[in-house]
Amino acid sequence: MDRRNKLITGLIPGMLLPLTIYAILYALFGLLEQKGAASGSGLSDNFRERTLAIVALAINIFLINTFKKRRWENAMRGVVVATGVLALIWLARFGPGLFK
């Protein structure tokens, strides 16, 4: 068993990667909006933030696949735990206004 196959090995990148991707995408869309290449209005309130957050969460699929190829089950569990925590945060943040 590889000594790097630990829960923390998946937990840290599983939290940092989506947060980083979200920040990059948010900044990119802000820049596009400034240049007039993207609309600032969405289909509903905070549509852009909600959608970018879900896309950023989905990026963890690539981490899970990478750890699966290496057969690092504990690291995969860390990514799944991080994804679950971030999904709960997403639900707490955007869930109440979702069906207005």
Protein backbone atom coordinates (compact mmCIF):
# COMPACT_ATOMS: atom_id res chain seq x y z
CA MET A 1 0.00 0.00 0.00
CA ASP A 2 1.28 3.43 -0.94
CA ARG A 3 1.98 5.69 2.04
CA ARG A 4 0.30 8.60 0.20
CA ASN A 5 -3.01 6.72 0.06
CA LYS A 6 -4.55 8.61 2.97
CA LEU A 7 -7.84 10.37 3.54
CA ILE A 8 -6.08 13.73 3.86
CA THR A 9 -4.40 13.20 0.46
CA GLY A 10 -7.83 13.39 -1.15
CA LEU A 11 -9.47 15.78 1.30
CA ILE A 12 -7.14 18.73 0.73
CA PRO A 13 -7.16 18.76 -3.09
CA GLY A 14 -10.86 17.82 -3.01
CA MET A 15 -11.54 21.10 -1.21
CA LEU A 16 -8.95 23.33 -2.86
CA LEU A 17 -9.49 22.37 -6.51
CA PRO A 18 -13.21 23.29 -6.67
CA LEU A 19 -12.63 26.51 -4.73
CA THR A 20 -9.81 27.50 -7.08
CA ILE A 21 -11.77 26.58 -10.22
CA TYR A 22 -14.76 28.56 -8.92
CA ALA A 23 -12.61 31.63 -8.32
CA ILE A 24 -11.03 31.39 -11.78
CA LEU A 25 -14.36 30.92 -13.56
CA TYR A 26 -16.00 33.72 -11.58
CA ALA A 27 -13.16 36.11 -12.43
CA LEU A 28 -13.25 35.03 -16.09
CA PHE A 29 -16.98 35.68 -16.39
CA GLY A 30 -16.56 39.01 -14.61
CA LEU A 31 -13.93 39.99 -17.14
CA LEU A 32 -16.12 38.84 -20.04
CA GLU A 33 -19.00 40.88 -18.63
CA GLN A 34 -16.80 43.98 -18.42
CA LYS A 35 -15.77 43.55 -22.04
CA GLY A 36 -19.38 43.10 -23.12
CA ALA A 37 -18.90 39.50 -24.21
CA ALA A 38 -21.17 38.05 -21.52
CA SER A 39 -24.46 39.18 -20.03
CA GLY A 40 -24.62 40.18 -16.40
CA SER A 41 -28.23 39.09 -16.07
CA GLY A 42 -29.04 35.43 -15.70
CA LEU A 43 -32.19 33.40 -15.71
CA SER A 44 -32.67 34.08 -12.00
CA ASP A 45 -30.95 35.64 -9.01
CA ASN A 46 -27.40 34.35 -8.45
CA PHE A 47 -27.74 32.00 -11.43
CA ARG A 48 -24.10 32.46 -12.41
CA GLU A 49 -22.78 31.77 -8.90
CA ARG A 50 -24.92 28.65 -8.49
CA THR A 51 -23.95 27.24 -11.88
CA LEU A 52 -20.24 27.98 -11.52
CA ALA A 53 -20.24 26.36 -8.08
CA ILE A 54 -21.81 23.16 -9.45
CA VAL A 55 -19.32 23.07 -12.33
CA ALA A 56 -16.46 23.56 -9.87
CA LEU A 57 -17.79 20.69 -7.73
CA ALA A 58 -17.99 18.44 -10.78
CA ILE A 59 -14.26 18.93 -11.34
CA ASN A 60 -13.69 16.55 -8.44
CA ILE A 61 -14.72 13.72 -10.76
CA PHE A 62 -11.29 14.03 -12.39
CA LEU A 63 -9.58 13.75 -9.00
CA ILE A 64 -11.61 10.67 -8.15
CA ASN A 65 -10.69 9.10 -11.50
CA THR A 66 -7.00 9.85 -10.96
CA PHE A 67 -7.02 8.25 -7.52
CA LYS A 68 -9.01 5.29 -8.86
CA LYS A 69 -6.35 4.61 -11.52
CA ARG A 70 -3.70 4.63 -8.79
CA ARG A 71 -5.91 2.41 -6.61
CA TRP A 72 -5.82 4.91 -3.76
CA GLU A 73 -9.16 4.10 -2.16
CA ASN A 74 -8.56 6.20 0.97
CA ALA A 75 -7.63 9.26 -1.10
CA MET A 76 -10.80 8.71 -3.16
CA ARG A 77 -12.78 8.71 0.08
CA GLY A 78 -11.21 12.04 0.99
CA VAL A 79 -12.34 13.57 -2.29
CA VAL A 80 -15.85 12.18 -1.79
CA VAL A 81 -16.00 13.63 1.74
CA ALA A 82 -14.77 17.01 0.48
CA THR A 83 -17.31 16.96 -2.35
CA GLY A 84 -20.08 16.10 0.10
CA VAL A 85 -19.12 18.94 2.44
CA LEU A 86 -18.96 21.42 -0.43
CA ALA A 87 -22.30 20.17 -1.77
CA LEU A 88 -23.89 20.73 1.65
CA ILE A 89 -22.44 24.24 1.73
CA TRP A 90 -23.87 24.82 -1.76
CA LEU A 91 -27.26 23.56 -0.62
CA ALA A 92 -27.23 25.76 2.48
CA ARG A 93 -26.20 28.81 0.44
CA PHE A 94 -28.41 28.41 -2.64
CA GLY A 95 -31.09 25.90 -1.61
CA PRO A 96 -33.53 28.22 0.14
CA GLY A 97 -33.94 30.50 -2.90
CA LEU A 98 -33.87 27.75 -5.48
CA PHE A 99 -37.61 27.25 -5.95
CA LYS A 100 -38.89 30.80 -5.58
